[in-house]
C-alpha atoms as a PDB file:
ATOM      1  CA  MET A   1      -9.917  16.401  -4.236  1.00  0.00           C
ATOM      2  CA  VAL A   2      -6.815  14.255  -4.379  1.00  0.00           C
ATOM      3  CA  LYS A   3      -4.831  14.190  -7.615  1.00  0.00           C
ATOM      4  CA  VAL A   4      -3.534  10.754  -8.678  1.00  0.00           C
ATOM      5  CA  LYS A   5      -0.599  10.314 -11.063  1.00  0.00           C
ATOM      6  CA  TRP A   6       0.619   7.038 -12.552  1.00  0.00           C
ATOM      7  CA  SER A   7       4.379   6.580 -12.826  1.00  0.00           C
ATOM      8  CA  LYS A   8       5.915   5.327 -16.043  1.00  0.00           C
ATOM      9  CA  GLU A   9       6.891   2.117 -14.234  1.00  0.00           C
ATOM     10  CA  ALA A  10       3.313   1.494 -13.043  1.00  0.00           C
ATOM     11  CA  ILE A  11       1.972   1.942 -16.582  1.00  0.00           C
ATOM     12  CA  GLU A  12       4.639  -0.450 -17.888  1.00  0.00           C
ATOM     13  CA  ASN A  13       3.694  -2.977 -15.176  1.00  0.00           C
ATOM     14  CA  ILE A  14       0.048  -2.840 -16.260  1.00  0.00           C
ATOM     15  CA  PHE A  15       1.018  -3.221 -19.913  1.00  0.00           C
ATOM     16  CA  GLU A  16       3.041  -6.343 -19.036  1.00  0.00           C
ATOM     17  CA  ILE A  17       0.090  -7.773 -17.088  1.00  0.00           C
ATOM     18  CA  ARG A  18      -2.222  -7.036 -20.006  1.00  0.00           C
ATOM     19  CA  GLU A  19       0.103  -8.699 -22.504  1.00  0.00           C
ATOM     20  CA  TYR A  20       0.549 -11.771 -20.294  1.00  0.00           C
ATOM     21  CA  TYR A  21      -3.188 -12.422 -19.990  1.00  0.00           C
ATOM     22  CA  MET A  22      -3.928 -11.422 -23.590  1.00  0.00           C
ATOM     23  CA  LYS A  23      -2.489 -14.768 -24.717  1.00  0.00           C
ATOM     24  CA  VAL A  24      -4.969 -16.661 -22.544  1.00  0.00           C
ATOM     25  CA  SER A  25      -8.064 -14.458 -22.638  1.00  0.00           C
ATOM     26  CA  PRO A  26      -8.238 -11.052 -24.313  1.00  0.00           C
ATOM     27  CA  LYS A  27     -11.532 -10.307 -22.562  1.00  0.00           C
ATOM     28  CA  PHE A  28     -10.104 -11.094 -19.111  1.00  0.00           C
ATOM     29  CA  SER A  29      -6.971  -9.126 -19.939  1.00  0.00           C
ATOM     30  CA  GLU A  30      -8.957  -5.991 -20.742  1.00  0.00           C
ATOM     31  CA  LEU A  31     -11.223  -6.416 -17.710  1.00  0.00           C
ATOM     32  CA  LEU A  32      -8.298  -6.891 -15.317  1.00  0.00           C
ATOM     33  CA  THR A  33      -6.376  -3.869 -16.545  1.00  0.00           C
ATOM     34  CA  ASP A  34      -9.533  -1.712 -16.470  1.00  0.00           C
ATOM     35  CA  GLN A  35     -10.159  -2.793 -12.873  1.00  0.00           C
ATOM     36  CA  ILE A  36      -6.605  -1.889 -11.886  1.00  0.00           C
ATOM     37  CA  PHE A  37      -6.980   1.589 -13.405  1.00  0.00           C
ATOM     38  CA  GLU A  38     -10.322   2.010 -11.609  1.00  0.00           C
ATOM     39  CA  LYS A  39      -8.499   1.901  -8.254  1.00  0.00           C
ATOM     40  CA  GLU A  40      -7.552   5.505  -8.992  1.00  0.00           C
ATOM     41  CA  VAL A  41     -11.141   6.551  -8.179  1.00  0.00           C
ATOM     42  CA  LEU A  42     -10.957   4.748  -4.832  1.00  0.00           C
ATOM     43  CA  LEU A  43      -7.691   6.488  -3.953  1.00  0.00           C
ATOM     44  CA  MET A  44      -9.097   9.885  -4.897  1.00  0.00           C
ATOM     45  CA  SER A  45     -11.791   9.455  -2.256  1.00  0.00           C
ATOM     46  CA  PHE A  46      -9.814   7.502   0.341  1.00  0.00           C
ATOM     47  CA  PRO A  47      -6.072   8.166  -0.041  1.00  0.00           C
ATOM     48  CA  LYS A  48      -5.078   6.274   3.105  1.00  0.00           C
ATOM     49  CA  ILE A  49      -7.204   3.201   2.385  1.00  0.00           C
ATOM     50  CA  GLY A  50      -4.152   1.091   1.577  1.00  0.00           C
ATOM     51  CA  ARG A  51      -1.977  -0.546   4.160  1.00  0.00           C
ATOM     52  CA  ILE A  52       1.609   0.520   4.763  1.00  0.00           C
ATOM     53  CA  VAL A  53       3.934  -1.607   2.623  1.00  0.00           C
ATOM     54  CA  PRO A  54       5.564  -3.889   5.224  1.00  0.00           C
ATOM     55  CA  GLU A  55       8.871  -4.245   3.363  1.00  0.00           C
ATOM     56  CA  ILE A  56       9.305  -0.463   3.163  1.00  0.00           C
ATOM     57  CA  ASN A  57       7.723   0.481   6.528  1.00  0.00           C
ATOM     58  CA  ASN A  58       7.123   4.081   5.536  1.00  0.00           C
ATOM     59  CA  GLU A  59       3.759   5.605   6.425  1.00  0.00           C
ATOM     60  CA  ASN A  60       3.624   7.370   3.061  1.00  0.00           C
ATOM     61  CA  VAL A  61       4.246   4.261   0.935  1.00  0.00           C
ATOM     62  CA  ARG A  62       1.058   2.217   0.838  1.00  0.00           C
ATOM     63  CA  GLU A  63      -0.574  -0.522  -1.180  1.00  0.00           C
ATOM     64  CA  ILE A  64      -3.953  -1.787  -2.225  1.00  0.00           C
ATOM     65  CA  ILE A  65      -4.149  -5.541  -2.707  1.00  0.00           C
ATOM     66  CA  PHE A  66      -6.194  -6.421  -5.785  1.00  0.00           C
ATOM     67  CA  LYS A  67      -6.433 -10.014  -6.966  1.00  0.00           C
ATOM     68  CA  ASN A  68      -2.781 -11.182  -7.289  1.00  0.00           C
ATOM     69  CA  TYR A  69      -1.343  -7.679  -7.443  1.00  0.00           C
ATOM     70  CA  ARG A  70      -0.086  -5.009  -5.106  1.00  0.00           C
ATOM     71  CA  ILE A  71      -0.882  -1.506  -6.320  1.00  0.00           C
ATOM     72  CA  ILE A  72       1.835   0.472  -4.588  1.00  0.00           C
ATOM     73  CA  TYR A  73       1.497   4.199  -4.174  1.00  0.00           C
ATOM     74  CA  SER A  74       3.114   7.091  -2.398  1.00  0.00           C
ATOM     75  CA  LEU A  75       1.337   9.903  -0.553  1.00  0.00           C
ATOM     76  CA  PHE A  76       3.239  13.113  -1.266  1.00  0.00           C
ATOM     77  CA  ASP A  77       0.830  15.243   0.699  1.00  0.00           C
ATOM     78  CA  GLU A  78      -2.906  15.399   1.379  1.00  0.00           C
ATOM     79  CA  LYS A  79      -3.683  16.263  -2.242  1.00  0.00           C
ATOM     80  CA  ASN A  80      -1.168  14.247  -4.306  1.00  0.00           C
ATOM     81  CA  ILE A  81      -0.711  10.507  -4.805  1.00  0.00           C
ATOM     82  CA  ASN A  82       1.706   8.802  -7.156  1.00  0.00           C
ATOM     83  CA  ILE A  83       1.021   5.187  -8.091  1.00  0.00           C
ATOM     84  CA  ILE A  84       4.562   3.881  -8.379  1.00  0.00           C
ATOM     85  CA  ALA A  85       4.152   0.189  -9.231  1.00  0.00           C
ATOM     86  CA  VAL A  86       1.752  -2.660  -9.825  1.00  0.00           C
ATOM     87  CA  HIS A  87       3.632  -5.626  -8.441  1.00  0.00           C
ATOM     88  CA  SER A  88       2.790  -9.319  -8.571  1.00  0.00           C
ATOM     89  CA  SER A  89       2.216 -10.631  -5.068  1.00  0.00           C
ATOM     90  CA  SER A  90       3.980 -13.855  -6.044  1.00  0.00           C
ATOM     91  CA  LYS A  91       7.343 -12.073  -6.451  1.00  0.00           C
ATOM     92  CA  PRO A  92       9.495 -10.690  -3.630  1.00  0.00           C
ATOM     93  CA  LEU A  93       9.348  -6.948  -3.164  1.00  0.00           C
ATOM     94  CA  SER A  94      12.299  -4.679  -2.529  1.00  0.00           C
ATOM     95  CA  GLU A  95      12.849  -0.928  -2.698  1.00  0.00           C
ATOM     96  CA  GLY A  96      14.812  -1.515  -5.889  1.00  0.00           C
ATOM     97  CA  SER A  97      11.927  -3.333  -7.517  1.00  0.00           C
ATOM     98  CA  ILE A  98       9.504  -0.464  -6.967  1.00  0.00           C
ATOM     99  CA  PHE A  99      11.733   2.609  -6.936  1.00  0.00           C
ATOM    100  CA  GLY A 100      13.760   1.528  -9.947  1.00  0.00           C
END
């Protein structure tokens, strides 16, 4: 089975999303963040389900589109995935914005 790790940046991204929506709807905020974390189960079963991130154009850097967010992850090998960022699809993406 594939092992999925969440980077510190990805966790911080989710926290920021949660805090943003908490002001409007605490229930929606919790639901949205839970749904983002649930994508881990999908990746464990289907690691290559995401498309290659067009801005990076590296076969090992992929993304799952969920609602208004891009869950960006890296395939290290057949058994290890690192979720590196949860990025708003309304903002431009660059290597600097996801690789720190």
